Amino acid sequence: MENNAVAKMEKTPIIINALFAILMLIATIVCIACSISNYITKSIASGLFVFAGGFNLFYAVREKARGRKLAFIVLMLIGLGLAFCGDILLIDNLILGAAFFAVGQIMFIAAFVTLSGFRVRDAVIAIFIFIAVYLLINFYDGFGFGRLKTLVVILNIIISLMLGKALSNVISQNNRLVYALIAIGAGLLFVSDIMQIVYLFAGRAFMFKCLYLSTYYPSEFVLALSIFFTAKYFIVQPKMLSSKANTQNKNEDLESNNNNNNN
């Protein structure tokens, strides 16, 4: 009986996340296909990935996530909240909405760095990604950025850093499941941002609206789902740390891993 109860508890967050995924798919289709107010459709769709992140935060607390795990989860939830605000503000205020998106993506970068630290290859991959996007921005004549070109370049620096860090983490020998999920979310978000730029500044073709919406909401949901996977599956790799504060963080991470294993 006890084993059955434990198994049921383990399945519950998976089932709830699956329900969130189905609702997110429906909400994305509604955003694309229906002519209802954007404030309603976008609030529902963005609210779903925030609630999914909040639920997975609750699960992480139950799993006694600490140290780097907890820092990652909190930063991710902040990023999701800022993405929600940016999505709504973007309806009537492009600059303010873009600013919230930018800060949210900086939170995602900080979260990724929290898990694995910073490596030179993170920046190298990001530079190659940015160069490709920069060439697109500069050599395609269909864009009409006007005074907003600098803002677009800054946003692409941020999204390139985010995707570069996410892809770099996948190369690591440990925690590849978690890192792969994060990279999928970051990759979808990158594609969404590029499609949104094309939509906003190159004619507002319906096809590009479909492309950016159909990648944006799934990307944020996958990043919200990474909170659950990090809490459940991420194994913190001990490092040689000298300061007392860092040593305490390491002990908290190890204790969190032991609690997860016992569960």
C-alpha atoms as a PDB file:
ATOM      1  CA  MET A   1       0.000   0.000   0.000  1.00  0.00           C
ATOM      2  CA  GLU A   2       2.785   2.417   0.920  1.00  0.00           C
ATOM      3  CA  ASN A   3       4.616   1.699  -2.345  1.00  0.00           C
ATOM      4  CA  ASN A   4       1.432   2.340  -4.304  1.00  0.00           C
ATOM      5  CA  ALA A   5       0.941   5.657  -2.534  1.00  0.00           C
ATOM      6  CA  VAL A   6       4.523   6.709  -3.311  1.00  0.00           C
ATOM      7  CA  ALA A   7       4.129   5.695  -6.962  1.00  0.00           C
ATOM      8  CA  LYS A   8       0.903   7.715  -7.190  1.00  0.00           C
ATOM      9  CA  MET A   9       2.630  10.758  -5.714  1.00  0.00           C
ATOM     10  CA  GLU A  10       5.438  10.415  -8.266  1.00  0.00           C
ATOM     11  CA  LYS A  11       2.976  10.264 -11.161  1.00  0.00           C
ATOM     12  CA  THR A  12       0.915  13.263 -10.049  1.00  0.00           C
ATOM     13  CA  PRO A  13       3.318  16.043 -11.176  1.00  0.00           C
ATOM     14  CA  ILE A  14       3.826  14.278 -14.521  1.00  0.00           C
ATOM     15  CA  ILE A  15       0.063  14.106 -15.108  1.00  0.00           C
ATOM     16  CA  ILE A  16      -0.434  17.744 -14.098  1.00  0.00           C
ATOM     17  CA  ASN A  17       2.363  18.911 -16.398  1.00  0.00           C
ATOM     18  CA  ALA A  18       0.814  16.863 -19.212  1.00  0.00           C
ATOM     19  CA  LEU A  19      -2.501  18.655 -18.595  1.00  0.00           C
ATOM     20  CA  PHE A  20      -0.684  22.006 -18.692  1.00  0.00           C
ATOM     21  CA  ALA A  21       0.863  20.956 -22.025  1.00  0.00           C
ATOM     22  CA  ILE A  22      -2.550  20.133 -23.506  1.00  0.00           C
ATOM     23  CA  LEU A  23      -4.044  23.409 -22.275  1.00  0.00           C
ATOM     24  CA  MET A  24      -1.035  25.303 -23.643  1.00  0.00           C
ATOM     25  CA  LEU A  25      -1.529  23.700 -27.060  1.00  0.00           C
ATOM     26  CA  ILE A  26      -5.211  24.695 -27.080  1.00  0.00           C
ATOM     27  CA  ALA A  27      -4.409  28.243 -25.922  1.00  0.00           C
ATOM     28  CA  THR A  28      -1.746  28.616 -28.630  1.00  0.00           C
ATOM     29  CA  ILE A  29      -4.197  27.536 -31.325  1.00  0.00           C
ATOM     30  CA  VAL A  30      -6.772  30.012 -29.989  1.00  0.00           C
ATOM     31  CA  CYS A  31      -4.183  32.840 -30.058  1.00  0.00           C
ATOM     32  CA  ILE A  32      -3.416  32.088 -33.695  1.00  0.00           C
ATOM     33  CA  ALA A  33      -6.840  31.266 -35.083  1.00  0.00           C
ATOM     34  CA  CYS A  34      -9.359  33.312 -33.098  1.00  0.00           C
ATOM     35  CA  SER A  35     -10.115  37.017 -33.353  1.00  0.00           C
ATOM     36  CA  ILE A  36     -10.796  37.401 -29.636  1.00  0.00           C
ATOM     37  CA  SER A  37      -9.059  40.263 -27.800  1.00  0.00           C
ATOM     38  CA  ASN A  38      -5.292  39.741 -27.551  1.00  0.00           C
ATOM     39  CA  TYR A  39      -5.469  40.757 -23.912  1.00  0.00           C
ATOM     40  CA  ILE A  40      -7.676  37.752 -23.211  1.00  0.00           C
ATOM     41  CA  THR A  41      -5.951  35.126 -25.350  1.00  0.00           C
ATOM     42  CA  LYS A  42      -2.397  36.152 -24.465  1.00  0.00           C
ATOM     43  CA  SER A  43      -3.188  36.472 -20.759  1.00  0.00           C
ATOM     44  CA  ILE A  44      -4.538  32.921 -20.745  1.00  0.00           C
ATOM     45  CA  ALA A  45      -1.668  31.431 -22.761  1.00  0.00           C
ATOM     46  CA  SER A  46       1.058  33.258 -20.838  1.00  0.00           C
ATOM     47  CA  GLY A  47      -0.700  32.620 -17.554  1.00  0.00           C
ATOM     48  CA  LEU A  48      -0.568  28.884 -18.238  1.00  0.00           C
ATOM     49  CA  PHE A  49       3.219  28.729 -18.435  1.00  0.00           C
ATOM     50  CA  VAL A  50       3.535  30.877 -15.317  1.00  0.00           C
ATOM     51  CA  PHE A  51       1.149  28.588 -13.421  1.00  0.00           C
ATOM     52  CA  ALA A  52       3.069  25.564 -14.735  1.00  0.00           C
ATOM     53  CA  GLY A  53       6.278  27.102 -13.410  1.00  0.00           C
ATOM     54  CA  GLY A  54       4.605  27.865 -10.090  1.00  0.00           C
ATOM     55  CA  PHE A  55       3.348  24.298  -9.757  1.00  0.00           C
ATOM     56  CA  ASN A  56       6.807  22.931 -10.511  1.00  0.00           C
ATOM     57  CA  LEU A  57       8.281  25.320  -7.952  1.00  0.00           C
ATOM     58  CA  PHE A  58       5.870  23.818  -5.409  1.00  0.00           C
ATOM     59  CA  TYR A  59       7.085  20.345  -6.416  1.00  0.00           C
ATOM     60  CA  ALA A  60      10.711  21.476  -6.078  1.00  0.00           C
ATOM     61  CA  VAL A  61      10.059  22.766  -2.561  1.00  0.00           C
ATOM     62  CA  ARG A  62       8.464  19.434  -1.692  1.00  0.00           C
ATOM     63  CA  GLU A  63      11.571  17.714  -3.032  1.00  0.00           C
ATOM     64  CA  LYS A  64      13.632  19.997  -0.756  1.00  0.00           C
ATOM     65  CA  ALA A  65      15.602  21.562  -3.600  1.00  0.00           C
ATOM     66  CA  ARG A  66      18.393  23.753  -2.231  1.00  0.00           C
ATOM     67  CA  GLY A  67      21.552  25.541  -3.275  1.00  0.00           C
ATOM     68  CA  ARG A  68      22.077  25.828  -7.010  1.00  0.00           C
ATOM     69  CA  LYS A  69      18.897  23.907  -7.771  1.00  0.00           C
ATOM     70  CA  LEU A  70      16.734  26.334  -5.815  1.00  0.00           C
ATOM     71  CA  ALA A  71      18.539  29.368  -7.268  1.00  0.00           C
ATOM     72  CA  PHE A  72      17.917  28.045 -10.795  1.00  0.00           C
ATOM     73  CA  ILE A  73      14.238  27.434 -10.085  1.00  0.00           C
ATOM     74  CA  VAL A  74      13.631  30.875  -8.555  1.00  0.00           C
ATOM     75  CA  LEU A  75      15.415  32.656 -11.423  1.00  0.00           C
ATOM     76  CA  MET A  76      13.436  30.649 -13.971  1.00  0.00           C
ATOM     77  CA  LEU A  77      10.130  31.531 -12.329  1.00  0.00           C
ATOM     78  CA  ILE A  78      11.077  35.220 -12.278  1.00  0.00           C
ATOM     79  CA  GLY A  79      11.953  34.961 -15.968  1.00  0.00           C
ATOM     80  CA  LEU A  80       8.597  33.351 -16.728  1.00  0.00           C
ATOM     81  CA  GLY A  81       6.784  36.101 -14.839  1.00  0.00           C
ATOM     82  CA  LEU A  82       8.634  38.799 -16.778  1.00  0.00           C
ATOM     83  CA  ALA A  83       7.842  36.989 -20.038  1.00  0.00           C
ATOM     84  CA  PHE A  84       4.152  37.069 -19.076  1.00  0.00           C
ATOM     85  CA  CYS A  85       4.332  40.831 -18.495  1.00  0.00           C
ATOM     86  CA  GLY A  86       6.286  41.375 -21.712  1.00  0.00           C
ATOM     87  CA  ASP A  87       3.757  39.421 -23.757  1.00  0.00           C
ATOM     88  CA  ILE A  88       0.878  41.553 -22.497  1.00  0.00           C
ATOM     89  CA  LEU A  89       2.708  44.887 -22.711  1.00  0.00           C
ATOM     90  CA  LEU A  90       3.864  44.145 -26.246  1.00  0.00           C
ATOM     91  CA  ILE A  91       0.274  44.461 -27.470  1.00  0.00           C
ATOM     92  CA  ASP A  92       0.277  48.268 -27.145  1.00  0.00           C
ATOM     93  CA  ASN A  93       3.839  49.212 -26.168  1.00  0.00           C
ATOM     94  CA  LEU A  94       6.596  47.583 -28.203  1.00  0.00           C
ATOM     95  CA  ILE A  95       9.526  49.118 -26.346  1.00  0.00           C
ATOM     96  CA  LEU A  96       8.220  48.402 -22.838  1.00  0.00           C
ATOM     97  CA  GLY A  97       7.200  44.863 -23.785  1.00  0.00           C
ATOM     98  CA  ALA A  98      10.606  44.217 -25.344  1.00  0.00           C
ATOM     99  CA  ALA A  99      12.294  45.524 -22.184  1.00  0.00           C
ATOM    100  CA  PHE A 100      10.413  43.019 -20.020  1.00  0.00           C
ATOM    101  CA  PHE A 101      11.267  40.231 -22.456  1.00  0.00           C
ATOM    102  CA  ALA A 102      14.938  41.229 -22.339  1.00  0.00           C
ATOM    103  CA  VAL A 103      15.119  41.229 -18.539  1.00  0.00           C
ATOM    104  CA  GLY A 104      13.261  37.906 -18.457  1.00  0.00           C
ATOM    105  CA  GLN A 105      15.774  36.336 -20.808  1.00  0.00           C
ATOM    106  CA  ILE A 106      18.618  37.714 -18.695  1.00  0.00           C
ATOM    107  CA  MET A 107      17.024  35.860 -15.772  1.00  0.00           C
ATOM    108  CA  PHE A 108      17.066  32.671 -17.870  1.00  0.00           C
ATOM    109  CA  ILE A 109      20.762  33.195 -18.653  1.00  0.00           C
ATOM    110  CA  ALA A 110      21.502  33.712 -14.959  1.00  0.00           C
ATOM    111  CA  ALA A 111      19.571  30.516 -14.170  1.00  0.00           C
ATOM    112  CA  PHE A 112      21.550  28.493 -16.737  1.00  0.00           C
ATOM    113  CA  VAL A 113      24.835  29.847 -15.360  1.00  0.00           C
ATOM    114  CA  THR A 114      23.724  28.978 -11.832  1.00  0.00           C
ATOM    115  CA  LEU A 115      23.518  25.297 -12.756  1.00  0.00           C
ATOM    116  CA  SER A 116      26.857  24.944 -14.531  1.00  0.00           C
ATOM    117  CA  GLY A 117      28.903  28.116 -14.161  1.00  0.00           C
ATOM    118  CA  PHE A 118      30.305  30.137 -17.059  1.00  0.00           C
ATOM    119  CA  ARG A 119      32.620  28.664 -19.681  1.00  0.00           C
ATOM    120  CA  VAL A 120      34.466  30.281 -22.570  1.00  0.00           C
ATOM    121  CA  ARG A 121      32.635  28.028 -25.023  1.00  0.00           C
ATOM    122  CA  ASP A 122      29.344  29.602 -23.870  1.00  0.00           C
ATOM    123  CA  ALA A 123      30.474  32.952 -25.274  1.00  0.00           C
ATOM    124  CA  VAL A 124      32.016  31.402 -28.400  1.00  0.00           C
ATOM    125  CA  ILE A 125      28.764  29.660 -29.356  1.00  0.00           C
ATOM    126  CA  ALA A 126      26.779  32.818 -28.580  1.00  0.00           C
ATOM    127  CA  ILE A 127      29.050  34.919 -30.808  1.00  0.00           C
ATOM    128  CA  PHE A 128      28.515  32.616 -33.791  1.00  0.00           C
ATOM    129  CA  ILE A 129      24.744  32.710 -33.240  1.00  0.00           C
ATOM    130  CA  PHE A 130      24.714  36.493 -32.968  1.00  0.00           C
ATOM    131  CA  ILE A 131      26.806  36.947 -36.122  1.00  0.00           C
ATOM    132  CA  ALA A 132      24.317  34.851 -38.098  1.00  0.00           C
ATOM    133  CA  VAL A 133      21.375  36.908 -36.807  1.00  0.00           C
ATOM    134  CA  TYR A 134      23.205  40.206 -37.300  1.00  0.00           C
ATOM    135  CA  LEU A 135      23.923  39.336 -40.921  1.00  0.00           C
ATOM    136  CA  LEU A 136      20.226  38.588 -41.437  1.00  0.00           C
ATOM    137  CA  ILE A 137      19.222  41.921 -39.902  1.00  0.00           C
ATOM    138  CA  ASN A 138      21.678  43.917 -41.982  1.00  0.00           C
ATOM    139  CA  PHE A 139      21.497  42.257 -45.371  1.00  0.00           C
ATOM    140  CA  TYR A 140      17.789  41.564 -45.740  1.00  0.00           C
ATOM    141  CA  ASP A 141      16.207  44.642 -47.316  1.00  0.00           C
ATOM    142  CA  GLY A 142      12.681  43.821 -46.217  1.00  0.00           C
ATOM    143  CA  PHE A 143      13.134  45.036 -42.633  1.00  0.00           C
ATOM    144  CA  GLY A 144      11.930  48.468 -41.587  1.00  0.00           C
ATOM    145  CA  PHE A 145      13.470  48.964 -38.144  1.00  0.00           C
ATOM    146  CA  GLY A 146      13.749  52.742 -38.210  1.00  0.00           C
ATOM    147  CA  ARG A 147      14.968  54.021 -34.848  1.00  0.00           C
ATOM    148  CA  LEU A 148      14.424  50.631 -33.226  1.00  0.00           C
ATOM    149  CA  LYS A 149      17.347  48.866 -34.914  1.00  0.00           C
ATOM    150  CA  THR A 150      19.618  49.350 -31.869  1.00  0.00           C
ATOM    151  CA  LEU A 151      16.940  47.825 -29.644  1.00  0.00           C
ATOM    152  CA  VAL A 152      16.643  44.831 -31.970  1.00  0.00           C
ATOM    153  CA  VAL A 153      20.422  44.320 -31.939  1.00  0.00           C
ATOM    154  CA  ILE A 154      20.516  44.449 -28.126  1.00  0.00           C
ATOM    155  CA  LEU A 155      17.689  41.932 -27.883  1.00  0.00           C
ATOM    156  CA  ASN A 156      19.518  39.604 -30.249  1.00  0.00           C
ATOM    157  CA  ILE A 157      22.693  39.841 -28.180  1.00  0.00           C
ATOM    158  CA  ILE A 158      20.673  38.681 -25.175  1.00  0.00           C
ATOM    159  CA  ILE A 159      18.859  35.849 -26.975  1.00  0.00           C
ATOM    160  CA  SER A 160      22.132  34.703 -28.561  1.00  0.00           C
ATOM    161  CA  LEU A 161      23.775  34.540 -25.134  1.00  0.00           C
ATOM    162  CA  MET A 162      20.816  32.557 -23.790  1.00  0.00           C
ATOM    163  CA  LEU A 163      20.834  30.019 -26.615  1.00  0.00           C
ATOM    164  CA  GLY A 164      24.627  29.823 -26.622  1.00  0.00           C
ATOM    165  CA  LYS A 165      24.693  28.991 -22.921  1.00  0.00           C
ATOM    166  CA  ALA A 166      21.880  26.443 -23.260  1.00  0.00           C
ATOM    167  CA  LEU A 167      23.591  24.663 -26.169  1.00  0.00           C
ATOM    168  CA  SER A 168      26.941  24.735 -24.398  1.00  0.00           C
ATOM    169  CA  ASN A 169      25.475  22.995 -21.360  1.00  0.00           C
ATOM    170  CA  VAL A 170      24.309  20.071 -23.500  1.00  0.00           C
ATOM    171  CA  ILE A 171      27.959  19.300 -24.288  1.00  0.00           C
ATOM    172  CA  SER A 172      28.537  18.554 -20.595  1.00  0.00           C
ATOM    173  CA  GLN A 173      28.957  14.914 -19.622  1.00  0.00           C
ATOM    174  CA  ASN A 174      26.463  15.135 -16.765  1.00  0.00           C
ATOM    175  CA  ASN A 175      22.747  15.949 -16.509  1.00  0.00           C
ATOM    176  CA  ARG A 176      22.226  15.780 -20.264  1.00  0.00           C
ATOM    177  CA  LEU A 177      18.496  15.105 -19.941  1.00  0.00           C
ATOM    178  CA  VAL A 178      17.920  18.342 -18.041  1.00  0.00           C
ATOM    179  CA  TYR A 179      20.296  20.342 -20.218  1.00  0.00           C
ATOM    180  CA  ALA A 180      18.713  18.967 -23.410  1.00  0.00           C
ATOM    181  CA  LEU A 181      15.242  20.020 -22.231  1.00  0.00           C
ATOM    182  CA  ILE A 182      16.517  23.512 -21.398  1.00  0.00           C
ATOM    183  CA  ALA A 183      18.209  23.728 -24.812  1.00  0.00           C
ATOM    184  CA  ILE A 184      14.948  22.757 -26.549  1.00  0.00           C
ATOM    185  CA  GLY A 185      13.102  25.512 -24.693  1.00  0.00           C
ATOM    186  CA  ALA A 186      15.831  28.064 -25.430  1.00  0.00           C
ATOM    187  CA  GLY A 187      15.966  26.998 -29.080  1.00  0.00           C
ATOM    188  CA  LEU A 188      12.218  27.396 -29.530  1.00  0.00           C
ATOM    189  CA  LEU A 189      12.368  30.793 -27.820  1.00  0.00           C
ATOM    190  CA  PHE A 190      15.186  31.861 -30.142  1.00  0.00           C
ATOM    191  CA  VAL A 191      13.187  30.830 -33.222  1.00  0.00           C
ATOM    192  CA  SER A 192      10.144  32.620 -31.823  1.00  0.00           C
ATOM    193  CA  ASP A 193      12.101  35.845 -31.327  1.00  0.00           C
ATOM    194  CA  ILE A 194      13.448  35.757 -34.883  1.00  0.00           C
ATOM    195  CA  MET A 195       9.994  35.066 -36.321  1.00  0.00           C
ATOM    196  CA  GLN A 196       8.539  37.868 -34.218  1.00  0.00           C
ATOM    197  CA  ILE A 197      11.146  40.305 -35.525  1.00  0.00           C
ATOM    198  CA  VAL A 198      10.295  39.305 -39.089  1.00  0.00           C
ATOM    199  CA  TYR A 199       6.577  39.668 -38.332  1.00  0.00           C
ATOM    200  CA  LEU A 200       6.862  43.079 -36.661  1.00  0.00           C
ATOM    201  CA  PHE A 201       9.376  44.693 -38.994  1.00  0.00           C
ATOM    202  CA  ALA A 202       8.909  42.981 -42.354  1.00  0.00           C
ATOM    203  CA  GLY A 203       5.262  43.340 -43.248  1.00  0.00           C
ATOM    204  CA  ARG A 204       3.289  41.524 -40.520  1.00  0.00           C
ATOM    205  CA  ALA A 205       2.572  38.493 -42.693  1.00  0.00           C
ATOM    206  CA  PHE A 206       0.145  36.066 -41.038  1.00  0.00           C
ATOM    207  CA  MET A 207       2.522  33.151 -41.671  1.00  0.00           C
ATOM    208  CA  PHE A 208       5.187  34.704 -39.434  1.00  0.00           C
ATOM    209  CA  LYS A 209       2.609  35.447 -36.752  1.00  0.00           C
ATOM    210  CA  CYS A 210       1.733  31.742 -36.770  1.00  0.00           C
ATOM    211  CA  LEU A 211       5.390  30.782 -36.579  1.00  0.00           C
ATOM    212  CA  TYR A 212       6.294  33.036 -33.682  1.00  0.00           C
ATOM    213  CA  LEU A 213       3.214  32.225 -31.606  1.00  0.00           C
ATOM    214  CA  SER A 214       3.445  28.480 -32.268  1.00  0.00           C
ATOM    215  CA  THR A 215       7.040  28.460 -30.989  1.00  0.00           C
ATOM    216  CA  TYR A 216       6.793  31.104 -28.256  1.00  0.00           C
ATOM    217  CA  TYR A 217       4.233  29.553 -25.915  1.00  0.00           C
ATOM    218  CA  PRO A 218       5.659  26.009 -26.211  1.00  0.00           C
ATOM    219  CA  SER A 219       9.149  27.417 -25.538  1.00  0.00           C
ATOM    220  CA  GLU A 220       8.067  29.058 -22.302  1.00  0.00           C
ATOM    221  CA  PHE A 221       6.204  25.928 -21.243  1.00  0.00           C
ATOM    222  CA  VAL A 222       9.276  23.752 -21.881  1.00  0.00           C
ATOM    223  CA  LEU A 223      11.345  26.145 -19.764  1.00  0.00           C
ATOM    224  CA  ALA A 224       8.681  25.920 -17.032  1.00  0.00           C
ATOM    225  CA  LEU A 225       8.851  22.128 -17.327  1.00  0.00           C
ATOM    226  CA  SER A 226      12.633  22.279 -16.846  1.00  0.00           C
ATOM    227  CA  ILE A 227      11.946  23.362 -13.255  1.00  0.00           C
ATOM    228  CA  PHE A 228      10.342  19.980 -12.582  1.00  0.00           C
ATOM    229  CA  PHE A 229      13.120  18.062 -14.347  1.00  0.00           C
ATOM    230  CA  THR A 230      15.812  19.993 -12.488  1.00  0.00           C
ATOM    231  CA  ALA A 231      14.167  19.337  -9.122  1.00  0.00           C
ATOM    232  CA  LYS A 232      13.753  15.628  -9.855  1.00  0.00           C
ATOM    233  CA  TYR A 233      16.684  14.598 -12.022  1.00  0.00           C
ATOM    234  CA  PHE A 234      19.487  17.161 -11.809  1.00  0.00           C
ATOM    235  CA  ILE A 235      22.540  15.869  -9.938  1.00  0.00           C
ATOM    236  CA  VAL A 236      24.742  18.605  -8.553  1.00  0.00           C
ATOM    237  CA  GLN A 237      28.416  18.025  -9.267  1.00  0.00           C
ATOM    238  CA  PRO A 238      30.570  18.921  -6.229  1.00  0.00           C
ATOM    239  CA  LYS A 239      33.264  21.528  -6.867  1.00  0.00           C
ATOM    240  CA  MET A 240      36.413  22.472  -4.992  1.00  0.00           C
ATOM    241  CA  LEU A 241      35.242  25.684  -3.340  1.00  0.00           C
ATOM    242  CA  SER A 242      37.214  27.696  -0.835  1.00  0.00           C
ATOM    243  CA  SER A 243      34.892  30.229   0.748  1.00  0.00           C
ATOM    244  CA  LYS A 244      32.635  29.281   3.632  1.00  0.00           C
ATOM    245  CA  ALA A 245      29.581  30.514   1.760  1.00  0.00           C
ATOM    246  CA  ASN A 246      30.320  28.382  -1.265  1.00  0.00           C
ATOM    247  CA  THR A 247      31.094  25.387   0.929  1.00  0.00           C
ATOM    248  CA  GLN A 248      27.712  25.801   2.602  1.00  0.00           C
ATOM    249  CA  ASN A 249      26.008  25.905  -0.812  1.00  0.00           C
ATOM    250  CA  LYS A 250      27.796  22.707  -1.801  1.00  0.00           C
ATOM    251  CA  ASN A 251      26.650  20.935   1.360  1.00  0.00           C
ATOM    252  CA  GLU A 252      23.084  22.098   0.760  1.00  0.00           C
ATOM    253  CA  ASP A 253      23.199  20.755  -2.802  1.00  0.00           C
ATOM    254  CA  LEU A 254      24.524  17.380  -1.621  1.00  0.00           C
ATOM    255  CA  GLU A 255      21.857  17.183   1.089  1.00  0.00           C
ATOM    256  CA  SER A 256      19.199  17.951  -1.533  1.00  0.00           C
ATOM    257  CA  ASN A 257      20.507  15.117  -3.734  1.00  0.00           C
ATOM    258  CA  ASN A 258      20.430  12.683  -0.789  1.00  0.00           C
ATOM    259  CA  ASN A 259      16.852  13.655   0.058  1.00  0.00           C
ATOM    260  CA  ASN A 260      15.788  13.096  -3.578  1.00  0.00           C
ATOM    261  CA  ASN A 261      17.463   9.683  -3.630  1.00  0.00           C
ATOM    262  CA  ASN A 262      15.763   8.671  -0.393  1.00  0.00           C
ATOM    263  CA  ASN A 263      12.391   9.734  -1.804  1.00  0.00           C
END
